[in-house]
Amino acid sequence: MTAPLVVVDVANVIGSRPDGWWRDRAAAATRLRDELAATMAAGGPIGDLTPPLDLVLVVEGRAGGVGPVPGVEVLSAARSGDDAIVEVVRDRGADRPVLVVTADRELRGRVAALGATAHGPRWLRR
C-alpha cells in the first residue's frame, strides 16, 4: 500500500497560534517544517498517523523561500496556496489515504470533493 499523503496549509496552521508569526512568515514556516521533520525522523506520529507517510507543506507569499528537508517536501505556491493544495490532492492522491491540515472551510470542502479528509491545525500540533 502507498503511504498516506498529508498536505499542510502552512499559512493557516502557523496563523492558528498567536506567537508573532506575522513578523516573519518565512521563519514561522521554517519552525513548523523543522518541528515536523524532527517528529518524522523520530518515527512520528504526525497527528494520529505514524510514518511512513508523504508530508507536503504548501507555503505562499513571504514564506515562499522555505525549502524542503529530509522527510518534508515544501511546495511554494505560485499564486493561491489553496489552489496549490487542491492540485497536490488531485495529482498525488489516487489510491491512498489523503489528509489535508487546514481550518479553511472552503478549502476543506474542495479537498473533500476529491476524496480527502481534512483536520484543523490542532490535529497536527497535538
Protein backbone atom coordinates (compact mmCIF):
# COMPACT_ATOMS: atom_id res chain seq x y z
CA MET A 1 0.00 0.00 0.00
CA THR A 2 1.18 3.51 -0.80
CA ALA A 3 2.00 5.75 2.16
CA PRO A 4 -0.69 8.23 3.21
CA LEU A 5 -0.35 11.76 1.86
CA VAL A 6 -0.54 14.61 4.38
CA VAL A 7 -0.79 18.11 2.90
CA VAL A 8 -0.38 21.07 5.26
CA ASP A 9 -1.78 24.56 4.64
CA VAL A 10 1.19 26.27 6.29
CA ALA A 11 -0.26 29.80 6.31
CA ASN A 12 -3.38 28.54 8.02
CA VAL A 13 -1.53 26.37 10.55
CA ILE A 14 1.01 29.00 11.60
CA GLY A 15 -1.78 31.57 11.76
CA SER A 16 -3.60 29.46 14.34
CA ARG A 17 -1.10 30.34 17.10
CA PRO A 18 -0.52 33.96 18.13
CA ASP A 19 3.25 33.56 18.55
CA GLY A 20 4.43 36.52 16.46
CA TRP A 21 4.43 34.63 13.14
CA TRP A 22 3.28 37.78 11.32
CA ARG A 23 6.64 39.46 11.94
CA ASP A 24 8.49 36.82 9.89
CA ARG A 25 6.35 34.38 7.99
CA ALA A 26 9.31 32.53 6.47
CA ALA A 27 10.83 31.94 9.91
CA ALA A 28 7.47 30.69 11.24
CA ALA A 29 7.12 28.31 8.28
CA THR A 30 10.71 27.12 8.82
CA ARG A 31 9.98 26.41 12.51
CA LEU A 32 6.92 24.35 11.57
CA ARG A 33 8.88 22.47 8.88
CA ASP A 34 11.71 21.71 11.30
CA GLU A 35 9.32 20.62 14.06
CA LEU A 36 7.59 18.21 11.67
CA ALA A 37 10.91 16.95 10.24
CA ALA A 38 12.16 16.16 13.75
CA THR A 39 8.92 14.32 14.51
CA MET A 40 9.21 12.32 11.27
CA ALA A 41 12.85 11.47 11.97
CA ALA A 42 11.91 10.20 15.43
CA GLY A 43 9.23 7.94 13.96
CA GLY A 44 6.21 10.18 14.40
CA PRO A 45 3.40 10.47 14.91
CA ILE A 46 2.15 13.32 12.75
CA GLY A 47 -1.31 13.87 14.16
CA ASP A 48 -2.55 10.31 14.60
CA LEU A 49 -0.50 8.91 11.68
CA THR A 50 2.85 7.23 12.03
CA PRO A 51 5.45 7.14 9.26
CA PRO A 52 5.89 6.14 6.58
CA LEU A 53 3.86 8.95 5.08
CA ASP A 54 4.39 11.61 2.45
CA LEU A 55 4.35 15.03 4.08
CA VAL A 56 3.91 18.09 1.86
CA LEU A 57 3.88 21.63 3.25
CA VAL A 58 2.38 24.27 0.96
CA VAL A 59 3.77 27.77 1.52
CA GLU A 60 2.88 31.03 -0.17
CA GLY A 61 3.74 34.70 -0.23
CA ARG A 62 6.58 35.77 2.05
CA ALA A 63 7.12 32.20 3.21
CA GLY A 64 7.76 31.11 -0.38
CA GLY A 65 11.51 30.73 0.03
CA VAL A 66 11.33 27.93 2.59
CA GLY A 67 12.93 24.79 1.22
CA PRO A 68 12.50 21.08 1.83
CA VAL A 69 14.40 18.96 4.34
CA PRO A 70 14.64 15.17 4.56
CA GLY A 71 11.17 13.78 5.24
CA VAL A 72 9.33 17.01 4.47
CA GLU A 73 8.59 18.30 0.98
CA VAL A 74 7.88 22.04 0.70
CA LEU A 75 5.91 23.35 -2.25
CA SER A 76 5.88 27.11 -2.90
CA ALA A 77 2.55 28.12 -4.39
CA ALA A 78 2.93 30.26 -7.49
CA ARG A 79 -0.34 32.04 -6.71
CA SER A 80 -3.02 30.70 -4.40
CA GLY A 81 -1.95 28.33 -1.67
CA ASP A 82 -5.44 26.81 -1.63
CA ASP A 83 -5.29 26.11 -5.37
CA ALA A 84 -1.85 24.51 -4.95
CA ILE A 85 -3.18 22.26 -2.18
CA VAL A 86 -6.10 21.16 -4.35
CA GLU A 87 -3.65 20.38 -7.18
CA VAL A 88 -1.48 18.25 -4.87
CA VAL A 89 -4.52 16.31 -3.67
CA ARG A 90 -5.80 15.82 -7.21
CA ASP A 91 -2.42 14.91 -8.72
CA ARG A 92 -0.96 12.74 -5.95
CA GLY A 93 -3.93 11.42 -4.01
CA ALA A 94 -5.07 8.49 -6.13
CA ASP A 95 -5.28 5.10 -4.43
CA ARG A 96 -4.11 6.19 -1.00
CA PRO A 97 -5.39 8.00 2.08
CA VAL A 98 -5.09 11.79 1.81
CA LEU A 99 -5.35 14.18 4.72
CA VAL A 100 -5.26 17.97 4.46
CA VAL A 101 -4.49 20.09 7.52
CA THR A 102 -6.35 23.41 7.40
CA ALA A 103 -9.07 25.33 9.21
CA ASP A 104 -10.22 26.94 5.95
CA ARG A 105 -13.80 25.75 5.43
CA GLU A 106 -13.89 26.43 1.70
CA LEU A 107 -10.63 24.54 1.17
CA ARG A 108 -11.92 21.67 3.30
CA GLY A 109 -14.91 21.39 1.00
CA ARG A 110 -12.77 21.47 -2.13
CA VAL A 111 -10.47 18.67 -0.97
CA ALA A 112 -13.36 16.61 0.42
CA ALA A 113 -14.87 16.65 -3.09
CA LEU A 114 -11.65 14.93 -4.21
CA GLY A 115 -11.90 12.26 -1.50
CA ALA A 116 -9.50 13.77 1.05
CA THR A 117 -10.12 14.08 4.77
CA ALA A 118 -9.44 17.41 6.47
CA HIS A 119 -8.40 18.20 10.01
CA GLY A 120 -7.74 21.51 11.73
CA PRO A 121 -4.34 22.74 12.93
CA ARG A 122 -4.82 21.22 16.40
CA TRP A 123 -4.72 17.73 14.84
CA LEU A 124 -1.20 18.44 13.63
CA ARG A 125 0.07 20.05 16.83
CA ARG A 126 -1.12 17.60 19.47
